[in-house]
Every structure is written in structure tokens, then in C-alpha cells.
Amino acid sequence: MTQNNSGFLLSSILLISERLTESVELNRIVTDVEIFEHIEKPYLTGRIMLVDDSSFYENADIQGSERIQITIESAEEDSTPITKTFFVSKVEKIQKVSDSNAQTLMIHLVQDVFYISSLKNINRHYTGSRSNIIGKIAQNFLNKKVFLTGKDRSVIEVIVPNLHPLEAMMWLNSKAVSARGYPFYLYSTLVGDDFRMENLGDILLRPALNGGKDEPAFTIASTKAQDTMNVTLQRRIVENHSMNSQENLLDLIRTGLISSNYEYIDTLTENTKSFSYNSRKDLFKKLIQDGILNEKQKNPQIDFAELIEDKTIDKFKPLTCTYVGGSMAFRDSDTAEGFTPFTYNAWSNSYGEYKTGADYKLNVISATMDAILKKNPLTINVKGLEFIKGDAHRTIGNNISVAFQSTHNKAPNLVDEKKSGDYLIYSVRHMFKKTVDTYDVSMNCVKIGNLRRAAK
């Protein structure tokens, strides 16, 4: 067991393989452990770096099928150990240490569920909602449960086309939307064993983890904040942050996600389901009605009052987007029974098929909401101790409150209302560095609205 001054313990890093007579404890030679979570991936990935000064690589004969079992603990009271099993996916790098016979190895890891999924294949017919089918696949092929938040719309019939189980689950989830058009995310977490399939609308309605009255925000580092004796506040000082690729509204306009015309062609009847899409009316109005854009953070990241050639941007229709829609692949009538495709309306939808233009529009709403969420990403680095207590999941899929100080020299205590606010944790990189006794977390965060009011 390795305990560090920063309050984390790497209880065990075991190499497990049927080719070895017994498991090998790697704690002595591992210098760095990284674990990655992402809200769009139903599996974790990782990386370990080790110093080989005793022919470990030669004797272990790493081939890419070995398991690495990592157990992490917080040194805080009432903490619960976190154990995750990974497989070696590849040795990324081997480099000789200068002036010695030792070498360093960088080994990339994938969670066991991903490796096991890669050994299996699905070609099977399913009927049900997408979340229901995803749950069946998870249980039958991976022996895991899916924790579902929210309800996805419509029952479908689908033949999973020659996919690995996790691929099939992600493929189905990509078309899952709520009755309001909000997308779903399917992911795995460091704390907990179940998959999570959650509606973005429900996620954004959750209070921030640090949203309580006396809870400090994650604050961009300042001398005043660093001098505090409050342990919780010290942990929430943002040591580094970056904001890259901001305000890409033009990209959203050019892909038809702000306003455009859409048509879906039924190749059987040569009918077209057409509709006009306006994100201001079709998405942002719903976000306000549902309280996702609320009084605290109600300003969307698009100013629909901006005039271009005397029109607001949502009045333009820069694209007509044409797609091949469904063609009643699972109809249960045929011409011998008087089947008339132009009037028949009782078939089961296939993957990505809907009966009306309004149903197809929900997919566009979903894509817009996902794109708007990622419009102004923020990456912050903080101390990680509060994320590994093990009693509850506190990373991806949760909201946190982040405070930026204004850059106005005459008002240093004012909050920057454009950058501050509640953010959704989208991805996390856990960095355990034994050589310098630190555990830091790098979080990629996103938000749907701003505190700042648009200028008038």
C-alpha cells in the first residue's frame, strides 16, 4: 500500500494473467496512474507508467491480454475503496533511462467491460424502447445493469447489425431522445459498477454538487483564496484553466442547427416529411419552460436579438438538409391484404425511423442541444481528493459551480458573469503521481447558459 501526503492511497496495482503462477504487485515500480471518464463513453480508459529496473517486461512477457486491477482509497474517514479492473490494450512507449539499464514503460489500459465486449458479437432482432434494448444487451452480454434517468420516446424494432455489445449500446443511444427532444448520454463512472443512461435535461436540472448556501465554488486561483485556512475552499482553488475553441456560432449556422429546412424521404412511397426548424422556438423556448435555463443562469449562448440585414439569425434558412428516412421495413401488411403504403400508418418504427415530421424534428433538437452545450468548453485542474471518497459518484454527469473573477482592474472582487456559473462535468482525467505525492483532476466542463445578460 502506498500512502501519499496529498491524502490518497494506491492500495494495490495488480498484474493478473493466467500465464503467471500468481498475481504480481506493481506498486513498487509504478510512478503514475491516470484514469479517464467521459460522458459519451460507457467504459473507462487509463494509463500507467512504470520504471522497469528488474527485467519486469521481459519476465512478465506483456502481450496485450493481461489484467491490471487498481484499488484506490481516500485517506479521509468513512471512505470506501474503489477497485477497477482494466486490460492492457497496448504498450504505448518504451524508453531507456539514461545512464542505467532501466527503462520506462507507458501502458494504455481499457476497462474490462470494453475488452470483454470486443470478444463478443451481436446479430439479433430486438423490440422495445432504445433504453430497454440497451438494458437487455448490457445484462445478457456484459452482466451489467443500466441505471436509467428519464424516459426515451418510441418503441422500435431493430436488427443489431454485427456489432460488439458496447458498440450496439452506443449506436442505439445515439438516436435516443426524450419527448422534448433532449439527448441521452450513456457512460461509466469511477465510483459505481452500473452503466448510466441519462437524459441531458434531467442532468442539467440537478443542483450543483457545491451549490449549497455555505458551499464554496471552484474558484480561479487568487492570492486571497490561496491564503484561506478553509480546507474545502483550498481544495476548490482552480490551479490551471483553459478555454479553447470558443463561440463557434458560425459552425452551428453552417450545419443547420440554428435554423434550416429539413426533409426526410420515404423511398417506398416517395413521400417526403418536411419541416422548418428554428432553434429559438423549437429548443430554447423548451429550455426556459422546463427550467433548464432558469433565473440563476437564464441567458442562452446565442443572442437572437442580433440583426443581420434587418433579420435575426433564426429567420434565415441557410440550408435544406435532405436525408433518407424510413420505408416501413417492419410493416406487418402487404399488397395481398390490400396494403396501401400511402395511407398505412400502423408499422413499427425501425432504427432512426419516425412517422411524422414532428418526430424527426426531435432528432435535430437533440443535435442542437448537444452542440450548444459544447459551444464554450472549460478545462480546470483542481485537487482531486473529494472525488474518490467512494461513497457516491461526483464526477461526470454532475454539475459544479465555478467562479471567475472579473478582469476589471478597478473591480477585482466582481464575478465575471460570462464565464462563471454552473457547469456540467463532461470528462475527467484523474492523475495520481506517486513521485511527487499529488492527486490532481483535470475536468472538461460545459454549460448551456450564461449568467451575463445580453447588452441592450
Protein backbone atom coordinates (compact mmCIF):
# COMPACT_ATOMS: atom_id res chain seq x y z
CA MET A 1 0.00 0.00 0.00
CA THR A 2 1.32 3.42 -0.94
CA GLN A 3 0.07 6.43 1.04
CA ASN A 4 0.74 9.99 -0.04
CA ASN A 5 0.80 13.32 1.74
CA SER A 6 -1.97 14.51 -0.57
CA GLY A 7 -4.42 12.09 1.06
CA PHE A 8 -4.82 9.27 -1.45
CA LEU A 9 -3.71 5.67 -1.22
CA LEU A 10 -2.86 3.37 -4.10
CA SER A 11 -3.74 0.25 -2.16
CA SER A 12 -2.89 -2.14 -4.94
CA ILE A 13 -1.90 -2.30 -8.60
CA LEU A 14 -2.07 -5.98 -9.51
CA LEU A 15 -0.97 -7.61 -12.75
CA ILE A 16 -3.16 -10.68 -13.32
CA SER A 17 -2.66 -13.27 -16.03
CA GLU A 18 -3.28 -16.99 -16.41
CA ARG A 19 0.26 -17.21 -17.81
CA LEU A 20 1.66 -16.16 -14.42
CA THR A 21 1.80 -18.51 -11.45
CA GLU A 22 0.47 -15.72 -9.20
CA SER A 23 -0.59 -12.09 -9.40
CA VAL A 24 2.22 -9.53 -9.39
CA GLU A 25 2.00 -6.37 -7.26
CA LEU A 26 3.30 -3.44 -9.33
CA ASN A 27 3.05 -0.73 -6.68
CA ARG A 28 6.81 -0.56 -6.21
CA ILE A 29 7.60 0.20 -9.83
CA VAL A 30 4.55 2.25 -10.92
CA THR A 31 5.19 6.01 -10.83
CA ASP A 32 1.99 7.39 -12.40
CA VAL A 33 -1.61 6.24 -12.73
CA GLU A 34 -4.20 8.03 -14.89
CA ILE A 35 -7.88 7.12 -15.23
CA PHE A 36 -10.23 8.77 -17.74
CA GLU A 37 -14.01 9.17 -17.57
CA HIS A 38 -16.11 10.55 -20.43
CA ILE A 39 -19.86 11.14 -20.55
CA GLU A 40 -20.07 9.76 -24.11
CA LYS A 41 -18.23 6.50 -23.32
CA PRO A 42 -19.71 3.55 -21.40
CA TYR A 43 -16.23 2.47 -20.33
CA LEU A 44 -13.17 3.90 -18.61
CA THR A 45 -9.66 4.10 -20.01
CA GLY A 46 -6.37 4.52 -18.21
CA ARG A 47 -2.63 4.66 -18.34
CA ILE A 48 0.16 3.60 -16.03
CA MET A 49 3.84 4.49 -16.17
CA LEU A 50 6.37 2.24 -14.54
CA VAL A 51 10.14 2.04 -14.17
CA ASP A 52 11.48 -1.40 -15.08
CA ASP A 53 14.85 -1.99 -13.43
CA SER A 54 14.49 -5.73 -12.81
CA SER A 55 13.54 -7.25 -16.20
CA PHE A 56 9.81 -6.95 -15.46
CA TYR A 57 8.82 -6.50 -19.11
CA GLU A 58 10.89 -9.49 -20.15
CA ASN A 59 9.72 -11.81 -17.39
CA ALA A 60 6.04 -10.81 -17.45
CA ASP A 61 6.01 -11.13 -21.24
CA ILE A 62 3.30 -8.49 -21.73
CA GLN A 63 1.22 -9.40 -24.80
CA GLY A 64 -1.96 -7.30 -24.51
CA SER A 65 -4.31 -9.70 -22.73
CA GLU A 66 -3.25 -9.07 -19.13
CA ARG A 67 -5.50 -7.55 -16.46
CA ILE A 68 -4.47 -4.66 -14.25
CA GLN A 69 -6.55 -4.33 -11.08
CA ILE A 70 -6.23 -0.91 -9.43
CA THR A 71 -7.51 -0.13 -5.93
CA ILE A 72 -7.61 3.50 -4.77
CA GLU A 73 -8.61 4.91 -1.41
CA SER A 74 -9.10 8.32 0.06
CA ALA A 75 -7.34 8.84 3.40
CA GLU A 76 -10.44 10.60 4.72
CA GLU A 77 -12.62 8.96 7.35
CA ASP A 78 -15.52 6.76 6.20
CA SER A 79 -14.05 6.41 2.72
CA THR A 80 -14.74 3.33 0.62
CA PRO A 81 -12.03 1.72 -1.54
CA ILE A 82 -12.53 2.00 -5.30
CA THR A 83 -11.43 -1.03 -7.32
CA LYS A 84 -11.44 -1.12 -11.11
CA THR A 85 -10.19 -3.84 -13.42
CA PHE A 86 -8.57 -2.93 -16.72
CA PHE A 87 -6.96 -4.86 -19.55
CA VAL A 88 -3.71 -3.92 -21.23
CA SER A 89 -4.69 -2.56 -24.65
CA LYS A 90 -1.17 -1.65 -25.77
CA VAL A 91 2.27 -0.62 -24.62
CA GLU A 92 2.42 2.94 -25.85
CA LYS A 93 6.08 3.63 -25.27
CA ILE A 94 9.28 2.03 -24.01
CA GLN A 95 12.16 4.35 -23.31
CA LYS A 96 15.59 3.68 -21.83
CA VAL A 97 16.55 5.63 -18.73
CA SER A 98 19.81 7.45 -19.40
CA ASP A 99 22.98 6.22 -17.66
CA SER A 100 21.34 3.00 -16.47
CA ASN A 101 19.97 -0.31 -17.67
CA ALA A 102 16.44 0.64 -16.52
CA GLN A 103 13.60 1.52 -18.87
CA THR A 104 10.24 3.25 -18.53
CA LEU A 105 7.03 1.74 -19.89
CA MET A 106 3.83 3.61 -20.71
CA ILE A 107 0.95 1.12 -20.77
CA HIS A 108 -2.51 2.06 -22.05
CA LEU A 109 -5.49 0.40 -20.36
CA VAL A 110 -9.17 -0.15 -21.20
CA GLN A 111 -11.81 -1.13 -18.68
CA ASP A 112 -12.52 -4.86 -18.56
CA VAL A 113 -16.05 -4.38 -19.89
CA PHE A 114 -14.67 -2.89 -23.13
CA TYR A 115 -12.20 -5.74 -23.63
CA ILE A 116 -14.84 -8.39 -22.94
CA SER A 117 -17.30 -6.62 -25.24
CA SER A 118 -14.70 -6.69 -28.02
CA LEU A 119 -14.71 -10.50 -27.86
CA LYS A 120 -18.46 -10.75 -28.48
CA ASN A 121 -20.76 -10.07 -31.41
CA ILE A 122 -24.47 -9.31 -31.79
CA ASN A 123 -26.66 -10.05 -34.80
CA ARG A 124 -30.11 -10.11 -33.24
CA HIS A 125 -33.60 -8.70 -33.57
CA TYR A 126 -34.98 -6.59 -30.71
CA THR A 127 -38.27 -4.83 -29.98
CA GLY A 128 -38.72 -2.12 -27.37
CA SER A 129 -37.56 1.36 -26.48
CA ARG A 130 -33.91 2.08 -27.08
CA SER A 131 -33.21 2.21 -23.34
CA ASN A 132 -34.97 -1.12 -22.86
CA ILE A 133 -32.91 -2.77 -25.62
CA ILE A 134 -29.70 -1.26 -24.23
CA GLY A 135 -30.57 -2.72 -20.82
CA LYS A 136 -31.12 -6.17 -22.33
CA ILE A 137 -27.79 -6.09 -24.16
CA ALA A 138 -25.93 -4.94 -21.04
CA GLN A 139 -27.48 -7.70 -18.93
CA ASN A 140 -27.27 -10.56 -21.43
CA PHE A 141 -23.83 -9.93 -22.89
CA LEU A 142 -21.94 -7.99 -20.21
CA ASN A 143 -23.76 -8.99 -16.99
CA LYS A 144 -24.26 -5.34 -16.05
CA LYS A 145 -27.24 -3.15 -15.23
CA VAL A 146 -28.14 0.22 -16.71
CA PHE A 147 -29.19 2.98 -14.34
CA LEU A 148 -31.75 5.00 -16.34
CA THR A 149 -32.72 8.61 -15.70
CA GLY A 150 -35.57 9.95 -17.84
CA LYS A 151 -37.67 8.19 -20.45
CA ASP A 152 -36.77 7.89 -24.12
CA ARG A 153 -39.59 8.02 -26.62
CA SER A 154 -40.95 5.44 -29.06
CA VAL A 155 -40.81 1.67 -29.40
CA ILE A 156 -38.76 0.35 -32.29
CA GLU A 157 -37.87 -2.92 -33.99
CA VAL A 158 -34.23 -3.25 -34.88
CA ILE A 159 -31.70 -5.82 -36.03
CA VAL A 160 -28.36 -5.05 -34.41
CA PRO A 161 -26.03 -5.28 -37.40
CA ASN A 162 -22.91 -7.24 -36.49
CA LEU A 163 -21.68 -5.07 -33.61
CA HIS A 164 -19.87 -5.61 -30.35
CA PRO A 165 -22.22 -5.18 -27.35
CA LEU A 166 -20.86 -1.78 -26.28
CA GLU A 167 -20.88 -0.60 -29.89
CA ALA A 168 -24.53 -1.67 -30.19
CA MET A 169 -25.44 0.16 -26.98
CA MET A 170 -23.73 3.36 -28.14
CA TRP A 171 -25.33 3.01 -31.60
CA LEU A 172 -28.80 2.76 -30.08
CA ASN A 173 -28.15 5.54 -27.57
CA SER A 174 -27.12 7.94 -30.35
CA LYS A 175 -30.76 8.03 -31.50
CA ALA A 176 -32.36 8.08 -28.05
CA VAL A 177 -34.14 11.35 -27.25
CA SER A 178 -36.81 12.38 -24.78
CA ALA A 179 -40.30 13.56 -25.71
CA ARG A 180 -38.87 17.11 -25.52
CA GLY A 181 -36.02 16.28 -27.86
CA TYR A 182 -33.26 16.18 -25.25
CA PRO A 183 -30.38 13.73 -25.91
CA PHE A 184 -29.25 10.86 -23.71
CA TYR A 185 -25.71 10.08 -22.60
CA LEU A 186 -24.52 6.54 -21.85
CA TYR A 187 -21.44 6.30 -19.66
CA SER A 188 -19.48 4.51 -16.94
CA THR A 189 -18.06 6.03 -13.78
CA LEU A 190 -15.08 5.57 -11.49
CA VAL A 191 -17.39 5.13 -8.47
CA GLY A 192 -20.06 2.52 -9.16
CA ASP A 193 -20.36 -0.53 -11.41
CA ASP A 194 -23.57 0.10 -13.38
CA PHE A 195 -23.83 1.86 -16.71
CA ARG A 196 -25.67 5.18 -16.54
CA MET A 197 -28.05 6.30 -19.30
CA GLU A 198 -29.26 9.79 -18.53
CA ASN A 199 -31.34 12.45 -20.19
CA LEU A 200 -29.46 15.74 -20.60
CA GLY A 201 -32.48 17.74 -19.48
CA ASP A 202 -32.61 15.85 -16.18
CA ILE A 203 -28.84 16.18 -15.74
CA LEU A 204 -28.91 19.95 -16.15
CA LEU A 205 -31.76 20.30 -13.65
CA ARG A 206 -29.68 18.79 -10.86
CA PRO A 207 -28.31 21.23 -8.29
CA ALA A 208 -24.56 21.76 -8.40
CA LEU A 209 -22.55 19.50 -6.09
CA ASN A 210 -21.26 22.65 -4.41
CA GLY A 211 -24.46 24.63 -4.86
CA GLY A 212 -25.43 24.78 -1.21
CA LYS A 213 -25.64 28.04 0.69
CA ASP A 214 -22.34 27.57 2.52
CA GLU A 215 -20.57 25.56 -0.19
CA PRO A 216 -17.64 27.36 -1.86
CA ALA A 217 -17.44 27.43 -5.64
CA PHE A 218 -14.47 26.16 -7.61
CA THR A 219 -12.60 29.45 -7.84
CA ILE A 220 -9.90 30.58 -10.24
CA ALA A 221 -6.74 30.90 -8.13
CA SER A 222 -6.01 34.18 -6.39
CA THR A 223 -3.71 35.22 -3.54
CA LYS A 224 -6.70 35.80 -1.30
CA ALA A 225 -8.13 32.33 -1.97
CA GLN A 226 -4.79 30.58 -1.52
CA ASP A 227 -4.27 32.16 1.92
CA THR A 228 -7.53 30.76 3.33
CA MET A 229 -7.50 28.25 6.18
CA ASN A 230 -10.74 26.64 4.90
CA VAL A 231 -9.74 23.13 3.76
CA THR A 232 -12.71 22.76 1.40
CA LEU A 233 -12.00 26.13 -0.19
CA GLN A 234 -8.34 25.21 -0.63
CA ARG A 235 -9.35 22.05 -2.48
CA ARG A 236 -11.56 24.06 -4.80
CA ILE A 237 -8.94 26.54 -5.91
CA VAL A 238 -8.54 26.10 -9.66
CA GLU A 239 -4.82 25.75 -10.23
CA ASN A 240 -4.97 25.98 -14.02
CA HIS A 241 -7.71 26.57 -16.54
CA SER A 242 -8.09 26.92 -20.28
CA MET A 243 -10.92 27.87 -22.63
CA ASN A 244 -10.26 26.77 -26.19
CA SER A 245 -12.37 26.92 -29.35
CA GLN A 246 -14.98 29.34 -28.03
CA GLU A 247 -18.10 30.88 -29.61
CA ASN A 248 -18.27 28.73 -32.77
CA LEU A 249 -21.73 30.00 -33.70
CA LEU A 250 -20.82 30.14 -37.37
CA ASP A 251 -20.17 26.39 -37.41
CA LEU A 252 -23.62 25.76 -35.95
CA ILE A 253 -25.23 28.03 -38.53
CA ARG A 254 -23.44 26.28 -41.40
CA THR A 255 -24.55 22.84 -40.20
CA GLY A 256 -28.22 23.85 -40.00
CA LEU A 257 -28.53 23.66 -36.21
CA ILE A 258 -29.71 27.25 -35.68
CA SER A 259 -32.40 27.33 -38.36
CA SER A 260 -32.89 25.44 -41.61
CA ASN A 261 -35.34 23.41 -43.65
CA TYR A 262 -35.32 19.63 -43.31
CA GLU A 263 -36.82 16.82 -45.35
CA TYR A 264 -36.82 13.05 -44.85
CA ILE A 265 -37.60 10.92 -47.89
CA ASP A 266 -39.60 7.69 -47.69
CA THR A 267 -38.12 5.65 -50.56
CA LEU A 268 -41.07 3.24 -50.60
CA THR A 269 -43.78 5.82 -51.24
CA GLU A 270 -41.53 8.64 -52.49
CA ASN A 271 -43.22 10.85 -49.93
CA THR A 272 -41.24 13.50 -48.07
CA LYS A 273 -41.72 14.55 -44.48
CA SER A 274 -40.66 18.21 -44.41
CA PHE A 275 -40.40 20.78 -41.66
CA SER A 276 -38.87 24.12 -40.87
CA TYR A 277 -36.53 24.18 -37.89
CA ASN A 278 -35.94 27.21 -35.65
CA SER A 279 -33.77 26.57 -32.57
CA ARG A 280 -35.10 29.67 -30.80
CA LYS A 281 -38.65 28.33 -30.88
CA ASP A 282 -38.03 24.58 -31.01
CA LEU A 283 -35.25 24.27 -28.40
CA PHE A 284 -34.60 27.38 -26.32
CA LYS A 285 -38.28 28.01 -25.59
CA LYS A 286 -38.47 24.49 -24.12
CA LEU A 287 -35.30 25.04 -22.06
CA ILE A 288 -36.93 28.08 -20.45
CA GLN A 289 -40.27 26.32 -19.93
CA ASP A 290 -38.56 23.33 -18.28
CA GLY A 291 -36.42 25.50 -16.01
CA ILE A 292 -33.14 24.39 -17.55
CA LEU A 293 -32.47 28.00 -18.46
CA ASN A 294 -33.62 29.38 -15.12
CA GLU A 295 -33.44 32.65 -13.22
CA LYS A 296 -29.95 31.90 -11.99
CA GLN A 297 -28.47 31.18 -15.41
CA LYS A 298 -31.09 32.01 -17.98
CA ASN A 299 -29.18 33.59 -20.82
CA PRO A 300 -28.57 31.31 -23.82
CA GLN A 301 -25.22 31.29 -25.56
CA ILE A 302 -26.85 32.81 -28.64
CA ASP A 303 -28.15 36.37 -28.90
CA PHE A 304 -31.29 36.07 -31.01
CA ALA A 305 -31.71 39.86 -30.99
CA GLU A 306 -28.66 40.36 -33.23
CA LEU A 307 -29.71 41.82 -36.60
CA ILE A 308 -28.08 40.89 -39.90
CA GLU A 309 -29.63 42.52 -42.97
CA ASP A 310 -32.50 43.59 -40.71
CA LYS A 311 -33.26 39.99 -39.67
CA THR A 312 -32.38 37.93 -36.61
CA ILE A 313 -30.25 34.87 -37.34
CA ASP A 314 -33.09 32.43 -36.70
CA LYS A 315 -35.07 33.99 -39.57
CA PHE A 316 -32.51 32.83 -42.13
CA LYS A 317 -32.68 29.36 -43.67
CA PRO A 318 -29.10 28.72 -44.81
CA LEU A 319 -29.59 25.04 -45.63
CA THR A 320 -32.09 22.50 -46.85
CA CYS A 321 -30.98 19.24 -45.25
CA THR A 322 -32.23 16.11 -47.01
CA TYR A 323 -32.00 12.61 -45.54
CA VAL A 324 -33.33 9.17 -46.42
CA GLY A 325 -35.94 8.35 -43.79
CA GLY A 326 -37.69 5.07 -43.06
CA SER A 327 -39.56 2.91 -45.54
CA MET A 328 -41.72 0.74 -43.27
CA ALA A 329 -39.20 -2.10 -43.07
CA PHE A 330 -41.18 -3.74 -40.26
CA ARG A 331 -44.68 -3.34 -41.75
CA ASP A 332 -46.97 -6.25 -40.98
CA SER A 333 -49.22 -5.90 -44.04
CA ASP A 334 -48.58 -6.45 -47.72
CA THR A 335 -50.36 -5.84 -51.03
CA ALA A 336 -52.14 -9.20 -50.85
CA GLU A 337 -54.06 -7.86 -47.87
CA GLY A 338 -54.89 -4.60 -49.54
CA PHE A 339 -51.80 -2.81 -48.22
CA THR A 340 -51.65 0.79 -49.42
CA PRO A 341 -48.32 2.38 -48.39
CA PHE A 342 -49.63 5.92 -48.90
CA THR A 343 -52.28 5.55 -46.16
CA TYR A 344 -50.88 2.76 -43.95
CA ASN A 345 -49.73 4.04 -40.55
CA ALA A 346 -49.53 1.03 -38.23
CA TRP A 347 -45.99 -0.28 -38.72
CA SER A 348 -43.28 -0.47 -36.05
CA ASN A 349 -40.51 2.07 -36.50
CA SER A 350 -37.05 0.80 -37.35
CA TYR A 351 -33.77 2.37 -36.19
CA GLY A 352 -33.92 6.11 -36.93
CA GLU A 353 -37.43 5.89 -38.45
CA TYR A 354 -40.43 8.01 -37.42
CA LYS A 355 -43.95 8.50 -38.71
CA THR A 356 -44.14 12.29 -38.71
CA GLY A 357 -42.01 15.32 -39.42
CA ALA A 358 -42.50 16.41 -35.80
CA ASP A 359 -40.86 13.20 -34.61
CA TYR A 360 -37.92 13.67 -36.98
CA LYS A 361 -37.54 17.23 -35.69
CA LEU A 362 -36.77 15.91 -32.21
CA ASN A 363 -33.50 14.49 -33.58
CA VAL A 364 -32.49 17.95 -34.80
CA ILE A 365 -33.38 19.45 -31.42
CA SER A 366 -31.22 16.80 -29.76
CA ALA A 367 -28.24 17.54 -32.01
CA THR A 368 -28.60 21.29 -31.41
CA MET A 369 -28.74 20.91 -27.64
CA ASP A 370 -25.61 18.77 -27.66
CA ALA A 371 -23.78 21.28 -29.88
CA ILE A 372 -24.84 24.32 -27.83
CA LEU A 373 -23.72 22.57 -24.65
CA LYS A 374 -20.20 22.17 -26.12
CA LYS A 375 -20.01 25.70 -27.55
CA ASN A 376 -17.79 27.15 -24.78
CA PRO A 377 -15.86 24.33 -23.09
CA LEU A 378 -13.81 24.98 -19.96
CA THR A 379 -10.96 22.83 -18.64
CA ILE A 380 -9.96 23.21 -15.00
CA ASN A 381 -7.34 21.50 -12.84
CA VAL A 382 -8.11 21.04 -9.13
CA LYS A 383 -7.10 18.86 -6.22
CA GLY A 384 -8.90 15.57 -6.53
CA LEU A 385 -9.36 14.25 -3.02
CA GLU A 386 -13.11 14.92 -2.73
CA PHE A 387 -13.80 12.85 -5.88
CA ILE A 388 -12.50 9.49 -4.58
CA LYS A 389 -14.20 9.10 -1.21
CA GLY A 390 -16.05 6.18 -2.78
CA ASP A 391 -19.42 6.76 -1.13
CA ALA A 392 -21.01 8.49 -4.13
CA HIS A 393 -20.33 9.36 -7.74
CA ARG A 394 -19.18 13.00 -8.01
CA THR A 395 -17.65 13.48 -11.45
CA ILE A 396 -19.09 13.21 -14.98
CA GLY A 397 -22.81 13.86 -15.27
CA ASN A 398 -22.77 16.14 -12.23
CA ASN A 399 -22.87 19.94 -12.11
CA ILE A 400 -20.42 22.18 -10.29
CA SER A 401 -20.39 25.91 -9.61
CA VAL A 402 -17.31 27.74 -10.94
CA ALA A 403 -16.43 31.36 -10.15
CA PHE A 404 -14.19 33.61 -12.26
CA GLN A 405 -13.08 37.00 -11.06
CA SER A 406 -13.68 39.97 -13.32
CA THR A 407 -10.66 41.21 -15.27
CA HIS A 408 -11.65 44.82 -14.49
CA ASN A 409 -8.74 46.26 -12.52
CA LYS A 410 -11.00 48.64 -10.60
CA ALA A 411 -13.39 45.88 -9.58
CA PRO A 412 -11.24 42.85 -8.66
CA ASN A 413 -13.92 41.31 -6.43
CA LEU A 414 -16.64 41.25 -9.06
CA VAL A 415 -17.63 37.96 -10.67
CA ASP A 416 -17.15 37.51 -14.41
CA GLU A 417 -20.78 36.79 -15.34
CA LYS A 418 -19.99 35.45 -18.78
CA LYS A 419 -17.55 32.75 -17.68
CA SER A 420 -18.87 31.97 -14.18
CA GLY A 421 -21.85 29.75 -13.44
CA ASP A 422 -22.90 26.12 -13.11
CA TYR A 423 -21.03 23.75 -15.42
CA LEU A 424 -21.67 20.12 -16.32
CA ILE A 425 -18.63 17.87 -15.83
CA TYR A 426 -18.22 16.29 -19.27
CA SER A 427 -14.96 14.37 -18.94
CA VAL A 428 -12.38 13.81 -16.21
CA ARG A 429 -8.72 12.86 -16.11
CA HIS A 430 -7.62 11.53 -12.72
CA MET A 431 -3.84 11.95 -12.28
CA PHE A 432 -2.11 10.07 -9.45
CA LYS A 433 1.60 10.94 -9.36
CA LYS A 434 3.48 8.92 -6.76
CA THR A 435 6.85 10.53 -7.39
CA VAL A 436 5.61 13.96 -6.27
CA ASP A 437 2.80 12.76 -3.96
CA THR A 438 -0.05 14.52 -5.79
CA TYR A 439 -3.53 13.64 -6.99
CA ASP A 440 -5.00 16.18 -9.37
CA VAL A 441 -8.10 16.14 -11.52
CA SER A 442 -8.47 17.77 -14.92
CA MET A 443 -12.14 18.32 -15.75
CA ASN A 444 -13.61 19.32 -19.07
CA CYS A 445 -16.78 21.28 -18.25
CA VAL A 446 -19.61 22.67 -20.39
CA LYS A 447 -22.73 24.78 -19.80
CA ILE A 448 -25.99 25.55 -21.58
CA GLY A 449 -26.48 29.17 -20.45
CA ASN A 450 -24.70 32.23 -19.06
CA LEU A 451 -25.18 34.45 -16.02
CA ARG A 452 -24.48 37.52 -18.13
CA ARG A 453 -27.40 39.39 -19.59
CA ALA A 454 -27.11 40.39 -23.24
CA ALA A 455 -26.25 44.06 -23.74
CA LYS A 456 -29.07 46.32 -24.81
